[in-house]
Structures are given as structure tokens and as C-alpha cells.
């Protein structure tokens, strides 16, 4: 079960909704856009070939080979050039595929937050994403009904968000846990990090590692 706890404030509600979505799951907008573009290009090419084969552009054109005979003759006359072109094209496609895969599998960004400066601006006070997440997880784990907790700070330095996973006991009051998480844990995090808004996505799990009753 996953729920969002965005703190919206009037005019910035649309930006906060985007940050809350980023907290729920890592963004795949770039991958989706590239997949849509490639799919549209392939669809257009397939549609064009189908129309050609059915003679929409003329029966003479439909009976001709896909490649112009002049191009075929040129490739036969220069087999080395054709081979090099095929190798280069294959390498380009392989590189594009590797770049796409690396972009899709890259580690999710975890922003470190600058709280302020000291010594006239020469020294910056920085809270690492790991330290902030550990503090939130430790405080969340102390809430009644919570057995374990894990947190991850995501987003950017200018627009951070947090992703929290809570493992609840069987008798936990879910509504009370979420209310106290927002009013106590996340409120403390917002104050400590110096941010007005900190959208959060909370995932709830049943804690299966609870110790069973002792038998004497």
C-alpha cells in the first residue's frame, strides 16, 4: 500500500504534485518519450510499406523492389563501402541502445541539502541525503505500531521529496500512524532541513519479523 503526503500551498500546488509523483517512483518520462518516438517512426514506416504493397501509390511502384535498382547496383559495385556502412550503422544502433539502457538503469539521484553558510560564506553546512533519510527512518521507527522504517531522500536540491517505507504491527492504527508521521516526523524533517514543503510517498508493509510470544 502506497500513499502520498504532499503539503500543498496554493499557487505551488501543481509543482508539489509533480514532486509528490517523483517521491512515489523515479521518473521515466525520458524513456517513455523515446519509446513513443521510436514506436511512431516504426509505425509510419510499416504503414508506408503496407500502402506501397497494396498499390496505393500505383501498381507499377508496388511491383518494384523496396530499394531502387540504381541503389542496388551501386552497392554491388562497391561492396566494401556497403559493408563499412552496414558496420557503422550497426555500431551506431548498438551505442544508442547502450546509452538508452545506461540512462534507464542509472542510480536514482539523492540530493544533499545546503542548510546555510558559516564564516562569511566560506563554509557551507551540508546535510547528506543519507543522513537526512536515516534521521527520518529512526524517528519513524519510534512511532507506536511501527516495527521498522526506511526512508530515502529523492528529487533535487531545490525541490527535495522523501520516500518512506513503514513495516507495521498487526494491531497498528494506520490512520494514526500516518497522521503522526506527517505531524511529528515530517514536520521535524521540514524544520531541520529548512524547507517549507517536503512531499512524501509512504509505503506500508506488514512487519513479518515481529517476535512471536514466548512459551514457558
N, C-alpha and C. Protein backbone atom coordinates (compact mmCIF):
# COMPACT_ATOMS: atom_id res chain seq x y z
N UNK A 1 0.85 -1.19 0.00
CA UNK A 1 0.00 0.00 0.00
C UNK A 1 0.88 1.24 0.00
N UNK A 2 0.61 2.17 -0.91
CA UNK A 2 1.39 3.39 -1.01
C UNK A 2 0.46 4.58 -0.95
N UNK A 3 0.83 5.59 -0.17
CA UNK A 3 0.03 6.80 -0.08
C UNK A 3 0.95 8.00 -0.14
N UNK A 4 0.44 9.11 -0.69
CA UNK A 4 1.22 10.34 -0.80
C UNK A 4 0.81 11.29 0.30
N UNK A 5 1.80 12.01 0.84
CA UNK A 5 1.53 13.03 1.85
C UNK A 5 2.12 14.35 1.39
N UNK A 6 1.62 14.93 0.27
CA UNK A 6 2.15 16.22 -0.16
C UNK A 6 1.57 17.34 0.66
N UNK A 7 2.39 18.33 0.99
CA UNK A 7 1.93 19.52 1.68
C UNK A 7 1.76 20.62 0.65
N UNK A 8 0.51 20.91 0.26
CA UNK A 8 0.25 21.87 -0.79
C UNK A 8 -0.01 23.24 -0.22
N UNK A 9 0.46 24.25 -0.95
CA UNK A 9 0.28 25.63 -0.51
C UNK A 9 -0.10 26.49 -1.70
N UNK A 10 -1.37 26.51 -2.05
CA UNK A 10 -1.90 27.44 -3.02
C UNK A 10 -1.28 27.35 -4.39
N UNK A 11 -0.56 28.45 -4.79
CA UNK A 11 -0.08 28.57 -6.15
C UNK A 11 0.93 27.50 -6.51
N UNK A 12 1.63 26.96 -5.53
CA UNK A 12 2.65 25.97 -5.85
C UNK A 12 2.13 24.55 -5.83
N UNK A 13 0.80 24.36 -5.86
CA UNK A 13 0.25 23.02 -5.73
C UNK A 13 0.62 22.13 -6.91
N UNK A 14 0.65 22.68 -8.14
CA UNK A 14 0.99 21.86 -9.30
C UNK A 14 2.43 21.38 -9.24
N UNK A 15 3.34 22.27 -8.83
CA UNK A 15 4.73 21.86 -8.68
C UNK A 15 4.88 20.82 -7.58
N UNK A 16 4.12 20.97 -6.51
CA UNK A 16 4.19 20.00 -5.42
C UNK A 16 3.63 18.65 -5.84
N UNK A 17 2.62 18.66 -6.71
CA UNK A 17 2.09 17.39 -7.20
C UNK A 17 3.13 16.66 -8.02
N UNK A 18 3.90 17.41 -8.83
CA UNK A 18 4.97 16.78 -9.60
C UNK A 18 6.04 16.22 -8.68
N UNK A 19 6.36 16.95 -7.62
CA UNK A 19 7.37 16.46 -6.67
C UNK A 19 6.84 15.25 -5.90
N UNK A 20 5.53 15.25 -5.59
CA UNK A 20 4.95 14.09 -4.92
C UNK A 20 4.99 12.87 -5.82
N UNK A 21 4.76 13.08 -7.13
CA UNK A 21 4.86 11.96 -8.07
C UNK A 21 6.29 11.45 -8.14
N UNK A 22 7.26 12.36 -8.07
CA UNK A 22 8.67 11.94 -8.08
C UNK A 22 9.00 11.15 -6.82
N UNK A 23 8.34 11.49 -5.71
CA UNK A 23 8.58 10.74 -4.48
C UNK A 23 8.01 9.33 -4.57
N UNK A 24 6.87 9.18 -5.28
CA UNK A 24 6.24 7.87 -5.38
C UNK A 24 7.09 6.89 -6.16
N UNK A 25 7.69 7.34 -7.24
CA UNK A 25 8.52 6.46 -8.07
C UNK A 25 9.44 7.33 -8.92
N UNK A 26 10.57 6.77 -9.30
CA UNK A 26 11.51 7.53 -10.11
C UNK A 26 10.90 7.84 -11.47
N UNK A 27 11.25 8.99 -12.01
CA UNK A 27 10.67 9.44 -13.26
C UNK A 27 11.19 8.62 -14.44
N UNK A 28 10.26 8.25 -15.33
CA UNK A 28 10.63 7.54 -16.56
C UNK A 28 10.12 8.31 -17.77
N UNK A 29 9.96 9.63 -17.62
CA UNK A 29 9.41 10.43 -18.72
C UNK A 29 10.31 10.37 -19.94
N UNK A 30 11.62 10.45 -19.76
CA UNK A 30 12.53 10.41 -20.90
C UNK A 30 12.46 9.10 -21.64
N UNK A 31 12.44 7.98 -20.90
CA UNK A 31 12.35 6.67 -21.54
C UNK A 31 11.03 6.51 -22.28
N UNK A 32 9.94 6.97 -21.67
CA UNK A 32 8.63 6.86 -22.33
C UNK A 32 8.59 7.69 -23.60
N UNK A 33 9.14 8.90 -23.56
CA UNK A 33 9.14 9.76 -24.74
C UNK A 33 9.93 9.14 -25.88
N UNK A 34 11.11 8.61 -25.57
CA UNK A 34 11.93 7.98 -26.60
C UNK A 34 11.24 6.75 -27.17
N UNK A 35 10.60 5.95 -26.30
CA UNK A 35 9.90 4.76 -26.77
C UNK A 35 8.73 5.14 -27.68
N UNK A 36 8.01 6.22 -27.33
CA UNK A 36 6.89 6.66 -28.17
C UNK A 36 7.39 7.14 -29.53
N UNK A 37 8.50 7.91 -29.54
CA UNK A 37 9.03 8.41 -30.81
C UNK A 37 9.48 7.25 -31.70
N UNK A 38 10.22 6.29 -31.13
CA UNK A 38 10.66 5.14 -31.91
C UNK A 38 9.46 4.34 -32.42
N UNK A 39 8.46 4.16 -31.57
CA UNK A 39 7.27 3.43 -31.99
C UNK A 39 6.53 4.13 -33.12
N UNK A 40 6.42 5.46 -33.05
CA UNK A 40 5.74 6.20 -34.12
C UNK A 40 6.50 6.11 -35.44
N UNK A 41 7.84 6.18 -35.36
CA UNK A 41 8.64 6.07 -36.58
C UNK A 41 8.46 4.69 -37.21
N UNK A 42 8.52 3.64 -36.39
CA UNK A 42 8.34 2.28 -36.92
C UNK A 42 6.92 2.08 -37.46
N UNK A 43 5.92 2.66 -36.78
CA UNK A 43 4.55 2.55 -37.26
C UNK A 43 4.38 3.25 -38.60
N UNK A 44 4.98 4.44 -38.73
CA UNK A 44 4.89 5.16 -40.00
C UNK A 44 5.57 4.38 -41.12
N UNK A 45 6.74 3.80 -40.82
CA UNK A 45 7.45 3.02 -41.84
C UNK A 45 6.64 1.79 -42.25
N UNK A 46 6.08 1.09 -41.28
CA UNK A 46 5.26 -0.08 -41.60
C UNK A 46 4.02 0.27 -42.39
N UNK A 47 3.38 1.39 -42.03
CA UNK A 47 2.19 1.83 -42.78
C UNK A 47 2.54 2.18 -44.22
N UNK A 48 3.68 2.86 -44.41
CA UNK A 48 4.10 3.23 -45.76
C UNK A 48 4.38 2.00 -46.61
N UNK A 49 5.07 1.01 -46.04
CA UNK A 49 5.36 -0.22 -46.79
C UNK A 49 4.07 -0.95 -47.13
N UNK A 50 3.13 -0.99 -46.21
CA UNK A 50 1.85 -1.65 -46.47
C UNK A 50 1.09 -0.97 -47.60
N UNK A 51 1.06 0.36 -47.57
CA UNK A 51 0.37 1.10 -48.63
C UNK A 51 1.04 0.88 -49.99
N UNK A 52 2.37 0.82 -49.98
CA UNK A 52 3.08 0.56 -51.23
C UNK A 52 2.76 -0.84 -51.78
N UNK A 53 2.71 -1.83 -50.88
CA UNK A 53 2.45 -3.20 -51.33
C UNK A 53 1.05 -3.38 -51.88
N UNK A 54 0.08 -2.57 -51.41
CA UNK A 54 -1.29 -2.67 -51.91
C UNK A 54 -1.54 -1.77 -53.11
N UNK A 55 -0.51 -1.11 -53.61
CA UNK A 55 -0.65 -0.32 -54.81
C UNK A 55 -1.32 1.01 -54.63
N UNK A 56 -1.33 1.55 -53.41
CA UNK A 56 -1.96 2.84 -53.19
C UNK A 56 -1.25 3.94 -53.97
N UNK A 57 0.07 3.82 -54.11
CA UNK A 57 0.85 4.81 -54.85
C UNK A 57 1.10 4.39 -56.29
N UNK A 58 0.30 3.44 -56.78
CA UNK A 58 0.44 2.98 -58.15
C UNK A 58 0.87 1.53 -58.22
N UNK A 59 0.31 0.80 -59.18
CA UNK A 59 0.64 -0.63 -59.30
C UNK A 59 2.08 -0.83 -59.74
N UNK A 60 2.60 0.08 -60.55
CA UNK A 60 3.98 -0.06 -61.00
C UNK A 60 4.94 0.05 -59.82
N UNK A 61 4.66 0.98 -58.95
CA UNK A 61 5.51 1.16 -57.78
C UNK A 61 5.41 -0.04 -56.84
N UNK A 62 4.22 -0.63 -56.75
CA UNK A 62 4.04 -1.78 -55.86
C UNK A 62 4.82 -2.99 -56.34
N UNK A 63 5.02 -3.12 -57.65
CA UNK A 63 5.74 -4.29 -58.17
C UNK A 63 7.25 -4.11 -58.15
N UNK A 64 7.71 -2.91 -57.88
CA UNK A 64 9.15 -2.66 -57.85
C UNK A 64 9.73 -3.10 -56.51
N UNK A 65 11.01 -3.43 -56.45
CA UNK A 65 11.64 -3.78 -55.17
C UNK A 65 11.68 -2.58 -54.24
N UNK A 66 11.86 -2.88 -52.95
CA UNK A 66 11.86 -1.81 -51.95
C UNK A 66 13.00 -0.83 -52.19
N UNK A 67 14.19 -1.35 -52.49
CA UNK A 67 15.33 -0.49 -52.82
C UNK A 67 15.36 -0.24 -54.32
N UNK A 68 15.67 0.98 -54.68
CA UNK A 68 15.76 1.34 -56.09
C UNK A 68 16.87 0.52 -56.75
N UNK A 69 16.64 0.02 -57.97
CA UNK A 69 17.68 -0.77 -58.66
C UNK A 69 19.01 -0.03 -58.79
N UNK A 70 18.98 1.28 -58.92
CA UNK A 70 20.22 2.04 -59.01
C UNK A 70 21.02 1.93 -57.71
N UNK A 71 20.30 1.95 -56.58
CA UNK A 71 20.98 1.81 -55.29
C UNK A 71 21.57 0.41 -55.16
N UNK A 72 20.80 -0.60 -55.59
CA UNK A 72 21.29 -1.98 -55.52
C UNK A 72 22.53 -2.15 -56.38
N UNK A 73 22.51 -1.58 -57.60
CA UNK A 73 23.68 -1.69 -58.48
C UNK A 73 24.89 -0.99 -57.89
N UNK A 74 24.67 0.17 -57.25
CA UNK A 74 25.78 0.89 -56.63
C UNK A 74 26.39 0.10 -55.48
N UNK A 75 25.54 -0.55 -54.69
CA UNK A 75 26.04 -1.35 -53.58
C UNK A 75 26.81 -2.57 -54.08
N UNK A 76 26.33 -3.16 -55.17
CA UNK A 76 27.04 -4.31 -55.74
C UNK A 76 28.38 -3.89 -56.34
N UNK A 77 28.42 -2.69 -56.88
CA UNK A 77 29.67 -2.21 -57.48
C UNK A 77 30.70 -1.83 -56.42
N UNK A 78 30.23 -1.43 -55.23
CA UNK A 78 31.13 -1.03 -54.15
C UNK A 78 30.81 -1.87 -52.90
N UNK A 79 31.14 -3.15 -52.90
CA UNK A 79 30.78 -3.99 -51.75
C UNK A 79 31.48 -3.57 -50.46
N UNK A 80 32.71 -3.05 -50.57
CA UNK A 80 33.42 -2.62 -49.37
C UNK A 80 32.72 -1.44 -48.71
N UNK A 81 32.27 -0.49 -49.53
CA UNK A 81 31.54 0.67 -48.99
C UNK A 81 30.24 0.23 -48.32
N UNK A 82 29.54 -0.71 -48.95
CA UNK A 82 28.30 -1.21 -48.37
C UNK A 82 28.56 -1.91 -47.04
N UNK A 83 29.65 -2.69 -46.98
CA UNK A 83 29.98 -3.39 -45.74
C UNK A 83 30.32 -2.41 -44.63
N UNK A 84 31.14 -1.40 -44.95
CA UNK A 84 31.51 -0.39 -43.94
C UNK A 84 30.28 0.36 -43.46
N UNK A 85 29.38 0.73 -44.38
CA UNK A 85 28.17 1.44 -43.99
C UNK A 85 27.30 0.59 -43.07
N UNK A 86 27.20 -0.71 -43.38
CA UNK A 86 26.40 -1.60 -42.53
C UNK A 86 27.02 -1.73 -41.14
N UNK A 87 28.36 -1.84 -41.08
CA UNK A 87 29.03 -1.95 -39.78
C UNK A 87 28.85 -0.68 -38.96
N UNK A 88 29.04 0.47 -39.61
CA UNK A 88 28.89 1.75 -38.90
C UNK A 88 27.45 1.92 -38.40
N UNK A 89 26.48 1.57 -39.25
CA UNK A 89 25.09 1.67 -38.82
C UNK A 89 24.79 0.76 -37.64
N UNK A 90 25.32 -0.47 -37.69
CA UNK A 90 25.11 -1.39 -36.57
C UNK A 90 25.75 -0.89 -35.29
N UNK A 91 26.97 -0.33 -35.40
CA UNK A 91 27.64 0.20 -34.21
C UNK A 91 26.88 1.39 -33.63
N UNK A 92 26.35 2.25 -34.49
CA UNK A 92 25.58 3.39 -34.00
C UNK A 92 24.33 2.93 -33.26
N UNK A 93 23.64 1.94 -33.81
CA UNK A 93 22.46 1.41 -33.13
C UNK A 93 22.83 0.78 -31.79
N UNK A 94 23.97 0.06 -31.76
CA UNK A 94 24.41 -0.56 -30.51
C UNK A 94 24.74 0.50 -29.47
N UNK A 95 25.43 1.57 -29.89
CA UNK A 95 25.78 2.65 -28.95
C UNK A 95 24.52 3.33 -28.42
N UNK A 96 23.57 3.61 -29.31
CA UNK A 96 22.32 4.23 -28.87
C UNK A 96 21.58 3.33 -27.89
N UNK A 97 21.58 2.02 -28.15
CA UNK A 97 20.93 1.10 -27.22
C UNK A 97 21.61 1.07 -25.87
N UNK A 98 22.95 1.09 -25.86
CA UNK A 98 23.68 1.09 -24.59
C UNK A 98 23.44 2.39 -23.82
N UNK A 99 23.42 3.52 -24.54
CA UNK A 99 23.17 4.80 -23.87
C UNK A 99 21.77 4.82 -23.27
N UNK A 100 20.80 4.31 -24.01
CA UNK A 100 19.43 4.25 -23.50
C UNK A 100 19.36 3.36 -22.27
N UNK A 101 20.00 2.19 -22.33
CA UNK A 101 19.98 1.28 -21.18
C UNK A 101 20.68 1.90 -19.97
N UNK A 102 21.82 2.57 -20.20
CA UNK A 102 22.53 3.20 -19.08
C UNK A 102 21.70 4.31 -18.46
N UNK A 103 20.98 5.06 -19.31
CA UNK A 103 20.13 6.13 -18.79
C UNK A 103 18.98 5.56 -17.97
N UNK A 104 18.41 4.45 -18.43
CA UNK A 104 17.28 3.85 -17.71
C UNK A 104 17.71 3.20 -16.40
N UNK A 105 18.94 2.67 -16.36
CA UNK A 105 19.41 1.94 -15.18
C UNK A 105 20.29 2.78 -14.26
N UNK A 106 20.42 4.07 -14.55
CA UNK A 106 21.29 4.91 -13.73
C UNK A 106 20.76 4.99 -12.30
N UNK A 107 21.64 5.12 -11.32
CA UNK A 107 21.17 5.24 -9.93
C UNK A 107 20.32 6.49 -9.74
N UNK A 108 19.32 6.35 -8.89
CA UNK A 108 18.44 7.48 -8.64
C UNK A 108 19.18 8.57 -7.86
N UNK A 109 18.90 9.80 -8.21
CA UNK A 109 19.59 10.93 -7.59
C UNK A 109 19.14 11.10 -6.15
N UNK A 110 20.13 11.33 -5.26
CA UNK A 110 19.85 11.59 -3.85
C UNK A 110 20.49 12.93 -3.48
N UNK A 111 19.69 13.96 -3.33
CA UNK A 111 20.25 15.31 -3.17
C UNK A 111 20.77 15.57 -1.76
N UNK A 112 21.92 16.20 -1.68
CA UNK A 112 22.43 16.74 -0.42
C UNK A 112 21.95 18.18 -0.29
N UNK A 113 21.48 18.55 0.89
CA UNK A 113 20.86 19.86 1.09
C UNK A 113 21.80 20.80 1.82
N UNK A 114 21.92 22.02 1.32
CA UNK A 114 22.74 23.06 1.95
C UNK A 114 21.85 23.85 2.89
N UNK A 115 22.18 23.81 4.19
CA UNK A 115 21.37 24.50 5.20
C UNK A 115 21.76 25.96 5.35
N UNK A 116 23.00 26.28 5.07
CA UNK A 116 23.45 27.66 5.23
C UNK A 116 24.96 27.74 5.09
N UNK A 117 25.50 28.90 5.41
CA UNK A 117 26.94 29.12 5.30
C UNK A 117 27.47 29.68 6.61
N UNK A 118 28.76 29.47 6.83
CA UNK A 118 29.46 29.98 8.00
C UNK A 118 30.68 30.76 7.56
N UNK A 119 31.25 31.53 8.49
CA UNK A 119 32.49 32.27 8.24
C UNK A 119 32.35 33.19 7.03
N UNK A 120 31.24 33.91 6.99
CA UNK A 120 31.06 34.86 5.91
C UNK A 120 30.83 34.24 4.55
N UNK A 121 30.34 33.03 4.52
CA UNK A 121 30.05 32.38 3.25
C UNK A 121 31.14 31.47 2.75
N UNK A 122 32.25 31.35 3.49
CA UNK A 122 33.34 30.49 3.05
C UNK A 122 33.05 29.01 3.31
N UNK A 123 32.23 28.71 4.31
CA UNK A 123 31.94 27.33 4.69
C UNK A 123 30.45 27.07 4.58
N UNK A 124 30.09 25.99 3.92
CA UNK A 124 28.68 25.62 3.77
C UNK A 124 28.34 24.47 4.71
N UNK A 125 27.14 24.55 5.28
CA UNK A 125 26.63 23.48 6.12
C UNK A 125 25.74 22.59 5.25
N UNK A 126 26.19 21.36 5.02
CA UNK A 126 25.50 20.45 4.11
C UNK A 126 25.03 19.22 4.87
N UNK A 127 23.78 18.85 4.66
CA UNK A 127 23.23 17.61 5.21
C UNK A 127 23.12 16.61 4.07
N UNK A 128 23.79 15.48 4.20
CA UNK A 128 23.75 14.49 3.13
C UNK A 128 22.38 13.83 3.06
N UNK A 129 22.06 13.32 1.89
CA UNK A 129 20.77 12.65 1.70
C UNK A 129 20.67 11.42 2.59
N UNK A 130 21.79 10.70 2.76
CA UNK A 130 21.76 9.51 3.61
C UNK A 130 21.49 9.86 5.06
N UNK A 131 22.14 10.93 5.56
CA UNK A 131 21.94 11.33 6.95
C UNK A 131 20.51 11.78 7.19
N UNK A 132 19.95 12.56 6.28
CA UNK A 132 18.57 13.02 6.43
C UNK A 132 17.61 11.84 6.40
N UNK A 133 17.83 10.89 5.50
CA UNK A 133 16.95 9.73 5.41
C UNK A 133 17.05 8.86 6.66
N UNK A 134 18.26 8.68 7.17
CA UNK A 134 18.42 7.87 8.38
C UNK A 134 17.73 8.51 9.58
N UNK A 135 17.79 9.84 9.67
CA UNK A 135 17.13 10.53 10.78
C UNK A 135 15.62 10.36 10.70
N UNK A 136 15.06 10.49 9.50
CA UNK A 136 13.62 10.31 9.33
C UNK A 136 13.22 8.87 9.65
N UNK A 137 14.00 7.91 9.16
CA UNK A 137 13.68 6.50 9.41
C UNK A 137 13.76 6.17 10.89
N UNK A 138 14.77 6.69 11.58
CA UNK A 138 14.92 6.41 13.01
C UNK A 138 13.75 6.98 13.80
N UNK A 139 13.32 8.20 13.46
CA UNK A 139 12.20 8.80 14.19
C UNK A 139 10.90 8.09 13.84
N UNK A 140 10.73 7.69 12.58
CA UNK A 140 9.50 7.00 12.19
C UNK A 140 9.41 5.63 12.85
N UNK A 141 10.54 4.97 13.06
CA UNK A 141 10.53 3.65 13.68
C UNK A 141 10.09 3.71 15.14
N UNK A 142 10.14 4.90 15.76
CA UNK A 142 9.72 5.05 17.15
C UNK A 142 8.22 5.27 17.30
N UNK A 143 7.51 5.45 16.20
CA UNK A 143 6.07 5.67 16.30
C UNK A 143 5.36 4.41 16.77
N UNK A 144 4.30 4.55 17.56
CA UNK A 144 3.55 3.37 18.02
C UNK A 144 2.97 2.60 16.83
N UNK A 145 3.17 1.30 16.85
CA UNK A 145 2.65 0.45 15.78
C UNK A 145 3.61 0.22 14.64
N UNK A 146 4.76 0.90 14.65
CA UNK A 146 5.75 0.76 13.58
C UNK A 146 6.87 -0.14 14.07
N UNK A 147 7.12 -1.23 13.35
CA UNK A 147 8.20 -2.13 13.73
C UNK A 147 9.53 -1.71 13.14
N UNK A 148 9.52 -1.35 11.87
CA UNK A 148 10.73 -0.91 11.19
C UNK A 148 10.37 0.21 10.24
N UNK A 149 11.38 0.97 9.83
CA UNK A 149 11.15 2.08 8.90
C UNK A 149 12.39 2.27 8.04
N UNK A 150 12.14 2.72 6.83
CA UNK A 150 13.23 3.04 5.91
C UNK A 150 12.83 4.28 5.13
N UNK A 151 13.79 5.14 4.85
CA UNK A 151 13.50 6.39 4.14
C UNK A 151 14.58 6.65 3.10
N UNK A 152 14.20 7.39 2.07
CA UNK A 152 15.14 7.78 1.02
C UNK A 152 14.78 9.17 0.54
N UNK A 153 15.76 10.05 0.53
CA UNK A 153 15.57 11.41 0.03
C UNK A 153 15.82 11.41 -1.47
N UNK A 154 14.86 11.94 -2.23
CA UNK A 154 14.96 11.94 -3.69
C UNK A 154 14.68 13.35 -4.19
N UNK A 155 14.68 13.51 -5.51
CA UNK A 155 14.42 14.82 -6.10
C UNK A 155 15.71 15.57 -6.35
N UNK A 156 15.67 16.88 -6.13
CA UNK A 156 16.83 17.74 -6.35
C UNK A 156 17.06 18.60 -5.13
N UNK A 157 18.19 19.33 -5.14
CA UNK A 157 18.49 20.21 -4.01
C UNK A 157 17.43 21.30 -3.85
N UNK A 158 16.91 21.79 -4.96
CA UNK A 158 15.91 22.85 -4.90
C UNK A 158 14.52 22.32 -4.61
N UNK A 159 14.24 21.07 -4.95
CA UNK A 159 12.90 20.50 -4.77
C UNK A 159 13.01 19.07 -4.26
N UNK A 160 13.38 18.90 -2.98
CA UNK A 160 13.52 17.54 -2.45
C UNK A 160 12.16 16.92 -2.14
N UNK A 161 12.16 15.60 -2.10
CA UNK A 161 10.99 14.82 -1.68
C UNK A 161 11.53 13.60 -0.94
N UNK A 162 10.66 12.92 -0.25
CA UNK A 162 11.12 11.78 0.55
C UNK A 162 10.21 10.59 0.33
N UNK A 163 10.81 9.42 0.33
CA UNK A 163 10.10 8.16 0.15
C UNK A 163 10.30 7.33 1.42
N UNK A 164 9.21 6.97 2.07
CA UNK A 164 9.27 6.29 3.37
C UNK A 164 8.56 4.94 3.26
N UNK A 165 9.18 3.90 3.80
CA UNK A 165 8.56 2.58 3.91
C UNK A 165 8.43 2.24 5.38
N UNK A 166 7.20 1.89 5.79
CA UNK A 166 6.92 1.54 7.18
C UNK A 166 6.45 0.10 7.25
N UNK A 167 7.03 -0.66 8.17
CA UNK A 167 6.56 -2.01 8.45
C UNK A 167 5.74 -1.95 9.74
N UNK A 168 4.44 -2.23 9.62
CA UNK A 168 3.51 -2.04 10.73
C UNK A 168 3.22 -3.35 11.45
N UNK A 169 2.93 -3.21 12.75
CA UNK A 169 2.49 -4.35 13.54
C UNK A 169 1.04 -4.70 13.18
N UNK A 170 0.63 -5.90 13.57
CA UNK A 170 -0.72 -6.35 13.23
C UNK A 170 -1.80 -5.44 13.82
N UNK A 171 -1.55 -4.90 15.01
CA UNK A 171 -2.56 -4.10 15.69
C UNK A 171 -2.35 -2.60 15.49
N UNK A 172 -1.56 -2.21 14.50
CA UNK A 172 -1.27 -0.79 14.30
C UNK A 172 -2.49 -0.05 13.76
N UNK A 173 -2.67 1.17 14.23
CA UNK A 173 -3.72 2.06 13.72
C UNK A 173 -3.12 2.84 12.55
N UNK A 174 -3.47 2.44 11.34
CA UNK A 174 -2.84 3.02 10.15
C UNK A 174 -3.08 4.52 10.08
N UNK A 175 -4.31 4.94 10.34
CA UNK A 175 -4.62 6.37 10.25
C UNK A 175 -3.81 7.17 11.26
N UNK A 176 -3.68 6.65 12.47
CA UNK A 176 -2.91 7.35 13.50
C UNK A 176 -1.42 7.38 13.13
N UNK A 177 -0.92 6.28 12.58
CA UNK A 177 0.50 6.24 12.17
C UNK A 177 0.78 7.29 11.11
N UNK A 178 -0.09 7.38 10.10
CA UNK A 178 0.13 8.35 9.03
C UNK A 178 0.01 9.78 9.55
N UNK A 179 -0.96 10.01 10.44
CA UNK A 179 -1.13 11.36 10.99
C UNK A 179 0.09 11.78 11.80
N UNK A 180 0.60 10.88 12.63
CA UNK A 180 1.77 11.22 13.45
C UNK A 180 3.03 11.30 12.60
N UNK A 181 3.10 10.50 11.56
CA UNK A 181 4.25 10.61 10.65
C UNK A 181 4.30 11.99 10.03
N UNK A 182 3.15 12.50 9.62
CA UNK A 182 3.12 13.82 8.99
C UNK A 182 3.33 14.94 10.00
N UNK A 183 2.64 14.86 11.13
CA UNK A 183 2.68 15.97 12.09
C UNK A 183 3.94 15.98 12.95
N UNK A 184 4.57 14.82 13.14
CA UNK A 184 5.75 14.76 14.00
C UNK A 184 7.04 14.55 13.20
N UNK A 185 7.10 13.45 12.47
CA UNK A 185 8.36 13.10 11.80
C UNK A 185 8.65 14.04 10.63
N UNK A 186 7.69 14.17 9.72
CA UNK A 186 7.93 15.01 8.55
C UNK A 186 7.99 16.49 8.91
N UNK A 187 7.22 16.90 9.91
CA UNK A 187 7.30 18.29 10.35
C UNK A 187 8.68 18.60 10.90
N UNK A 188 9.23 17.67 11.68
CA UNK A 188 10.59 17.85 12.20
C UNK A 188 11.61 17.88 11.07
N UNK A 189 11.42 17.01 10.08
CA UNK A 189 12.35 16.98 8.94
C UNK A 189 12.30 18.29 8.16
N UNK A 190 11.09 18.82 7.94
CA UNK A 190 10.99 20.09 7.22
C UNK A 190 11.69 21.21 7.98
N UNK A 191 11.50 21.24 9.29
CA UNK A 191 12.15 22.28 10.08
C UNK A 191 13.66 22.12 10.11
N UNK A 192 14.13 20.89 10.25
CA UNK A 192 15.58 20.66 10.33
C UNK A 192 16.27 20.94 9.00
N UNK A 193 15.61 20.61 7.90
CA UNK A 193 16.22 20.80 6.59
C UNK A 193 15.99 22.20 6.03
N UNK A 194 15.17 22.98 6.70
CA UNK A 194 14.94 24.34 6.26
C UNK A 194 14.12 24.45 5.00
N UNK A 195 13.17 23.52 4.79
CA UNK A 195 12.31 23.56 3.62
C UNK A 195 10.87 23.74 4.07
N UNK A 196 10.10 24.48 3.28
CA UNK A 196 8.70 24.70 3.62
C UNK A 196 7.85 23.49 3.27
N UNK A 197 8.16 22.87 2.14
CA UNK A 197 7.38 21.73 1.66
C UNK A 197 8.30 20.54 1.44
N UNK A 198 7.86 19.38 1.89
CA UNK A 198 8.60 18.14 1.68
C UNK A 198 7.60 17.04 1.33
N UNK A 199 7.23 16.93 0.05
CA UNK A 199 6.29 15.87 -0.34
C UNK A 199 6.84 14.50 0.02
N UNK A 200 5.94 13.61 0.42
CA UNK A 200 6.36 12.28 0.86
C UNK A 200 5.44 11.23 0.26
N UNK A 201 6.04 10.11 -0.11
CA UNK A 201 5.30 8.92 -0.52
C UNK A 201 5.57 7.84 0.52
N UNK A 202 4.52 7.29 1.09
CA UNK A 202 4.66 6.34 2.19
C UNK A 202 4.16 4.97 1.73
N UNK A 203 5.01 3.99 1.86
CA UNK A 203 4.64 2.61 1.54
C UNK A 203 4.47 1.84 2.84
N UNK A 204 3.34 1.17 2.98
CA UNK A 204 3.03 0.44 4.20
C UNK A 204 3.13 -1.06 3.95
N UNK A 205 3.84 -1.74 4.83
CA UNK A 205 4.00 -3.19 4.75
C UNK A 205 3.69 -3.79 6.12
N UNK A 206 3.30 -5.05 6.11
CA UNK A 206 3.08 -5.77 7.37
C UNK A 206 4.41 -6.33 7.84
N UNK A 207 4.73 -6.06 9.10
CA UNK A 207 6.01 -6.50 9.65
C UNK A 207 5.93 -7.98 9.99
N UNK A 208 6.56 -8.81 9.17
CA UNK A 208 6.53 -10.26 9.40
C UNK A 208 7.66 -10.71 10.31
N UNK A 209 8.51 -9.78 10.73
CA UNK A 209 9.65 -10.15 11.57
C UNK A 209 9.39 -9.91 13.05
N UNK A 210 8.12 -9.71 13.40
CA UNK A 210 7.82 -9.49 14.81
C UNK A 210 8.06 -10.78 15.59
N UNK A 211 8.66 -10.68 16.76
CA UNK A 211 8.90 -11.89 17.56
C UNK A 211 7.60 -12.48 18.07
N UNK A 212 7.49 -13.78 18.01
CA UNK A 212 6.29 -14.45 18.49
C UNK A 212 6.26 -14.53 20.00
N UNK A 213 5.12 -14.89 20.58
CA UNK A 213 5.02 -14.98 22.04
C UNK A 213 5.89 -16.11 22.59
N UNK A 214 6.48 -15.84 23.73
CA UNK A 214 7.32 -16.85 24.37
C UNK A 214 6.46 -17.92 25.05
N UNK A 215 6.92 -19.13 24.96
CA UNK A 215 6.23 -20.24 25.61
C UNK A 215 7.12 -20.75 26.74
N UNK A 216 6.63 -20.66 27.96
CA UNK A 216 7.43 -21.10 29.11
C UNK A 216 6.97 -22.47 29.59
